[in-house]
C-alpha atoms as a PDB file:
ATOM      1  CA  MET A   1       0.197  19.697  17.837  1.00  0.00           C
ATOM      2  CA  THR A   2      -0.429  21.142  14.380  1.00  0.00           C
ATOM      3  CA  ALA A   3      -3.230  23.621  13.867  1.00  0.00           C
ATOM      4  CA  PRO A   4      -5.802  22.547  11.256  1.00  0.00           C
ATOM      5  CA  GLY A   5      -5.167  25.809   9.397  1.00  0.00           C
ATOM      6  CA  ALA A   6      -1.567  24.718   8.673  1.00  0.00           C
ATOM      7  CA  LEU A   7      -2.815  21.734   6.672  1.00  0.00           C
ATOM      8  CA  PRO A   8      -4.431  21.850   3.237  1.00  0.00           C
ATOM      9  CA  ALA A   9      -8.136  20.998   2.959  1.00  0.00           C
ATOM     10  CA  VAL A  10      -7.252  17.815   1.069  1.00  0.00           C
ATOM     11  CA  GLU A  11      -3.909  16.160   0.438  1.00  0.00           C
ATOM     12  CA  LEU A  12      -3.669  13.516  -2.289  1.00  0.00           C
ATOM     13  CA  LEU A  13      -0.590  11.306  -2.396  1.00  0.00           C
ATOM     14  CA  ARG A  14       0.085   8.975  -5.310  1.00  0.00           C
ATOM     15  CA  PRO A  15       2.626   6.160  -5.491  1.00  0.00           C
ATOM     16  CA  ALA A  16       5.587   6.503  -7.816  1.00  0.00           C
ATOM     17  CA  PRO A  17       5.043   4.349 -10.939  1.00  0.00           C
ATOM     18  CA  TRP A  18       8.582   2.927 -11.012  1.00  0.00           C
ATOM     19  CA  LYS A  19       7.883  -0.200  -8.939  1.00  0.00           C
ATOM     20  CA  MET A  20       4.903  -1.178 -11.073  1.00  0.00           C
ATOM     21  CA  LEU A  21       6.770  -0.439 -14.307  1.00  0.00           C
ATOM     22  CA  ALA A  22       9.609  -2.695 -13.104  1.00  0.00           C
ATOM     23  CA  LEU A  23       7.122  -5.441 -12.174  1.00  0.00           C
ATOM     24  CA  LEU A  24       5.469  -5.127 -15.580  1.00  0.00           C
ATOM     25  CA  ALA A  25       8.812  -5.385 -17.406  1.00  0.00           C
ATOM     26  CA  ILE A  26      10.010  -8.352 -15.330  1.00  0.00           C
ATOM     27  CA  SER A  27       6.673 -10.121 -15.742  1.00  0.00           C
ATOM     28  CA  ALA A  28       6.742  -9.599 -19.512  1.00  0.00           C
ATOM     29  CA  GLY A  29      10.265 -11.005 -19.646  1.00  0.00           C
ATOM     30  CA  LEU A  30       9.305 -14.084 -17.637  1.00  0.00           C
ATOM     31  CA  VAL A  31       6.223 -14.675 -19.799  1.00  0.00           C
ATOM     32  CA  TRP A  32       8.566 -14.535 -22.814  1.00  0.00           C
ATOM     33  CA  VAL A  33      10.810 -17.166 -21.150  1.00  0.00           C
ATOM     34  CA  ALA A  34       7.751 -19.339 -20.434  1.00  0.00           C
ATOM     35  CA  VAL A  35       6.707 -19.128 -24.088  1.00  0.00           C
ATOM     36  CA  GLY A  36      10.203 -20.294 -25.032  1.00  0.00           C
ATOM     37  CA  LEU A  37       9.816 -23.311 -22.720  1.00  0.00           C
ATOM     38  CA  ALA A  38       6.466 -24.345 -24.204  1.00  0.00           C
ATOM     39  CA  ASP A  39       7.950 -26.953 -26.582  1.00  0.00           C
ATOM     40  CA  ARG A  40      10.035 -28.724 -23.930  1.00  0.00           C
ATOM     41  CA  SER A  41       7.773 -28.471 -20.897  1.00  0.00           C
ATOM     42  CA  PRO A  42       4.263 -27.271 -21.700  1.00  0.00           C
ATOM     43  CA  MET A  43       2.828 -27.708 -18.186  1.00  0.00           C
ATOM     44  CA  ILE A  44       5.560 -25.636 -16.536  1.00  0.00           C
ATOM     45  CA  ALA A  45       5.344 -23.060 -19.341  1.00  0.00           C
ATOM     46  CA  TRP A  46       1.585 -22.638 -18.946  1.00  0.00           C
ATOM     47  CA  THR A  47       1.767 -22.484 -15.146  1.00  0.00           C
ATOM     48  CA  CYS A  48       4.657 -20.011 -14.974  1.00  0.00           C
ATOM     49  CA  GLY A  49       3.486 -18.025 -17.981  1.00  0.00           C
ATOM     50  CA  GLY A  50      -0.019 -17.724 -16.557  1.00  0.00           C
ATOM     51  CA  PHE A  51       1.258 -16.631 -13.156  1.00  0.00           C
ATOM     52  CA  PHE A  52       3.590 -13.978 -14.563  1.00  0.00           C
ATOM     53  CA  ALA A  53       0.949 -12.782 -17.014  1.00  0.00           C
ATOM     54  CA  LEU A  54      -1.356 -12.264 -14.022  1.00  0.00           C
ATOM     55  CA  CYS A  55       1.413 -10.336 -12.221  1.00  0.00           C
ATOM     56  CA  GLY A  56       1.851  -8.171 -15.315  1.00  0.00           C
ATOM     57  CA  LEU A  57      -1.895  -7.548 -15.494  1.00  0.00           C
ATOM     58  CA  VAL A  58      -1.972  -6.385 -11.861  1.00  0.00           C
ATOM     59  CA  ALA A  59       1.001  -4.086 -12.545  1.00  0.00           C
ATOM     60  CA  ALA A  60      -0.686  -2.663 -15.657  1.00  0.00           C
ATOM     61  CA  VAL A  61      -3.944  -2.005 -13.793  1.00  0.00           C
ATOM     62  CA  SER A  62      -1.963  -0.332 -10.990  1.00  0.00           C
ATOM     63  CA  LEU A  63      -0.593   2.136 -13.521  1.00  0.00           C
ATOM     64  CA  VAL A  64      -4.066   3.318 -14.578  1.00  0.00           C
ATOM     65  CA  PRO A  65      -4.662   6.861 -13.257  1.00  0.00           C
ATOM     66  CA  GLY A  66      -6.872   6.785 -10.171  1.00  0.00           C
ATOM     67  CA  ALA A  67      -6.113   3.147  -9.333  1.00  0.00           C
ATOM     68  CA  ASN A  68      -4.026   3.950  -6.247  1.00  0.00           C
ATOM     69  CA  HIS A  69      -3.782   6.889  -3.881  1.00  0.00           C
ATOM     70  CA  LEU A  70      -3.782   8.033  -0.286  1.00  0.00           C
ATOM     71  CA  ARG A  71      -6.222  10.897   0.342  1.00  0.00           C
ATOM     72  CA  LEU A  72      -6.116  12.889   3.572  1.00  0.00           C
ATOM     73  CA  ASP A  73      -8.856  15.264   4.692  1.00  0.00           C
ATOM     74  CA  ALA A  74     -10.497  16.499   7.890  1.00  0.00           C
ATOM     75  CA  ASN A  75     -12.567  13.293   8.184  1.00  0.00           C
ATOM     76  CA  GLY A  76      -9.715  10.802   7.847  1.00  0.00           C
ATOM     77  CA  ILE A  77      -7.763   8.684   5.399  1.00  0.00           C
ATOM     78  CA  GLU A  78      -8.959   7.168   2.154  1.00  0.00           C
ATOM     79  CA  LEU A  79      -6.684   4.424   0.885  1.00  0.00           C
ATOM     80  CA  ARG A  80      -7.306   3.311  -2.693  1.00  0.00           C
ATOM     81  CA  ALA A  81      -5.428   0.247  -3.946  1.00  0.00           C
ATOM     82  CA  LEU A  82      -6.378  -1.314  -7.296  1.00  0.00           C
ATOM     83  CA  PHE A  83      -9.623   0.729  -7.244  1.00  0.00           C
ATOM     84  CA  ARG A  84     -10.648  -0.788  -3.890  1.00  0.00           C
ATOM     85  CA  VAL A  85     -11.294   1.936  -1.315  1.00  0.00           C
ATOM     86  CA  THR A  86     -10.734   1.669   2.443  1.00  0.00           C
ATOM     87  CA  ARG A  87     -11.616   4.596   4.691  1.00  0.00           C
ATOM     88  CA  TRP A  88     -10.521   5.237   8.285  1.00  0.00           C
ATOM     89  CA  HIS A  89     -11.633   8.154  10.433  1.00  0.00           C
ATOM     90  CA  TRP A  90      -8.973   9.936  12.464  1.00  0.00           C
ATOM     91  CA  ARG A  91     -10.646   8.778  15.705  1.00  0.00           C
ATOM     92  CA  ASP A  92     -10.067   5.167  14.586  1.00  0.00           C
ATOM     93  CA  ILE A  93      -6.272   5.568  14.502  1.00  0.00           C
ATOM     94  CA  VAL A  94      -4.027   5.776  17.572  1.00  0.00           C
ATOM     95  CA  ARG A  95      -0.608   6.230  15.985  1.00  0.00           C
ATOM     96  CA  PHE A  96       1.559   5.998  12.884  1.00  0.00           C
ATOM     97  CA  GLY A  97       5.205   5.059  12.743  1.00  0.00           C
ATOM     98  CA  PRO A  98       7.884   3.594  10.515  1.00  0.00           C
ATOM     99  CA  THR A  99       8.309  -0.174  10.661  1.00  0.00           C
ATOM    100  CA  ARG A 100      10.053  -2.870   8.653  1.00  0.00           C
ATOM    101  CA  VAL A 101       8.181  -5.430   6.585  1.00  0.00           C
ATOM    102  CA  GLY A 102      10.727  -7.748   5.038  1.00  0.00           C
ATOM    103  CA  LEU A 103      13.357  -5.575   3.391  1.00  0.00           C
ATOM    104  CA  HIS A 104      11.122  -2.497   3.170  1.00  0.00           C
ATOM    105  CA  THR A 105      10.424   0.275   5.659  1.00  0.00           C
ATOM    106  CA  VAL A 106       6.738   1.206   5.572  1.00  0.00           C
ATOM    107  CA  VAL A 107       4.293   3.245   7.648  1.00  0.00           C
ATOM    108  CA  GLY A 108       2.663   1.186  10.378  1.00  0.00           C
ATOM    109  CA  ILE A 109      -0.787   1.983  11.798  1.00  0.00           C
ATOM    110  CA  ASP A 110      -2.229   1.233  15.220  1.00  0.00           C
ATOM    111  CA  PHE A 111      -6.008   1.298  15.476  1.00  0.00           C
ATOM    112  CA  ALA A 112      -8.145   2.337  18.451  1.00  0.00           C
ATOM    113  CA  ASP A 113      -9.681  -0.361  20.647  1.00  0.00           C
ATOM    114  CA  HIS A 114     -13.183   0.290  19.278  1.00  0.00           C
ATOM    115  CA  VAL A 115     -12.059  -0.788  15.784  1.00  0.00           C
ATOM    116  CA  ASP A 116     -12.731  -4.519  15.821  1.00  0.00           C
ATOM    117  CA  ALA A 117     -12.245  -5.450  12.158  1.00  0.00           C
ATOM    118  CA  ALA A 118      -9.723  -8.197  11.323  1.00  0.00           C
ATOM    119  CA  GLY A 119      -8.753  -8.902  14.943  1.00  0.00           C
ATOM    120  CA  ARG A 120      -6.662 -12.003  14.208  1.00  0.00           C
ATOM    121  CA  VAL A 121      -4.777 -10.389  11.348  1.00  0.00           C
ATOM    122  CA  ARG A 122      -4.082  -7.356  13.530  1.00  0.00           C
ATOM    123  CA  ARG A 123      -2.633  -9.579  16.278  1.00  0.00           C
ATOM    124  CA  VAL A 124      -0.395 -11.353  13.769  1.00  0.00           C
ATOM    125  CA  ASN A 125       0.704  -8.022  12.282  1.00  0.00           C
ATOM    126  CA  ARG A 126       1.446  -6.645  15.753  1.00  0.00           C
ATOM    127  CA  GLY A 127       3.618  -9.659  16.513  1.00  0.00           C
ATOM    128  CA  LEU A 128       5.556  -9.292  13.258  1.00  0.00           C
ATOM    129  CA  THR A 129       5.889  -5.510  12.947  1.00  0.00           C
ATOM    130  CA  GLY A 130       4.770  -3.917  16.209  1.00  0.00           C
ATOM    131  CA  PHE A 131       1.753  -2.315  14.468  1.00  0.00           C
ATOM    132  CA  ASP A 132      -1.820  -3.421  13.701  1.00  0.00           C
ATOM    133  CA  GLY A 133      -1.366  -2.799   9.983  1.00  0.00           C
ATOM    134  CA  ALA A 134       0.659  -0.890   7.413  1.00  0.00           C
ATOM    135  CA  LEU A 135       0.189   1.263   4.337  1.00  0.00           C
ATOM    136  CA  PRO A 136       1.006  -0.510   1.052  1.00  0.00           C
ATOM    137  CA  ASP A 137       3.315   2.272  -0.181  1.00  0.00           C
ATOM    138  CA  THR A 138       5.235   5.295   1.073  1.00  0.00           C
ATOM    139  CA  TYR A 139       3.962   7.458  -1.820  1.00  0.00           C
ATOM    140  CA  GLY A 140       7.376   8.752  -2.829  1.00  0.00           C
ATOM    141  CA  GLN A 141       8.398   9.721   0.712  1.00  0.00           C
ATOM    142  CA  ARG A 142      10.549   8.167   3.396  1.00  0.00           C
ATOM    143  CA  ALA A 143       8.402   6.174   5.829  1.00  0.00           C
ATOM    144  CA  ALA A 144       9.399   8.297   8.831  1.00  0.00           C
ATOM    145  CA  VAL A 145       8.496  11.533   7.002  1.00  0.00           C
ATOM    146  CA  LEU A 146       5.135  10.171   5.838  1.00  0.00           C
ATOM    147  CA  ALA A 147       4.356   8.821   9.325  1.00  0.00           C
ATOM    148  CA  ALA A 148       5.074  12.254  10.831  1.00  0.00           C
ATOM    149  CA  ARG A 149       2.852  13.915   8.214  1.00  0.00           C
ATOM    150  CA  LEU A 150      -0.001  11.487   8.898  1.00  0.00           C
ATOM    151  CA  ASP A 151       0.396  11.970  12.634  1.00  0.00           C
ATOM    152  CA  ALA A 152       0.142  15.751  12.171  1.00  0.00           C
ATOM    153  CA  TRP A 153      -3.183  15.236  10.365  1.00  0.00           C
ATOM    154  CA  ARG A 154      -4.365  12.822  13.063  1.00  0.00           C
ATOM    155  CA  GLN A 155      -3.500  15.210  15.894  1.00  0.00           C
ATOM    156  CA  ALA A 156      -5.121  18.130  14.129  1.00  0.00           C
ATOM    157  CA  TYR A 157      -8.444  16.382  13.417  1.00  0.00           C
ATOM    158  CA  SER A 158      -8.951  13.589  15.959  1.00  0.00           C
END
């Protein structure tokens, strides 16, 4: 168990921008392809172009400073994704661990029994990954390292 004194008062983790920059570049390229198809197939061009423009917009907003982070403090975790904030207290979390979602290894979260939000989704997630939920990013760290760091915070303050 880690002593609270060994941890900083606040730890702020930010995702690396490379994934969103790649999504933005790919989306821009596919919008360009859709514009080129507009003469031959306008319906497909508008549908695909609109979808990829929306993907590019989400990627661009994700790159705005302050749009995404994981903040750790004595009270719990604050997860900010696209300016939407979710907060969990340390007492609400039972464990963290690495898990696979598709081709990616992410940090899984198990919630305490008294947390009753999104019960069906949690059951589906548990069946697919072994955890109630997962963080959207590893914030530039390997999932196992981040899970161990989060668990140290949880043990120190729960």
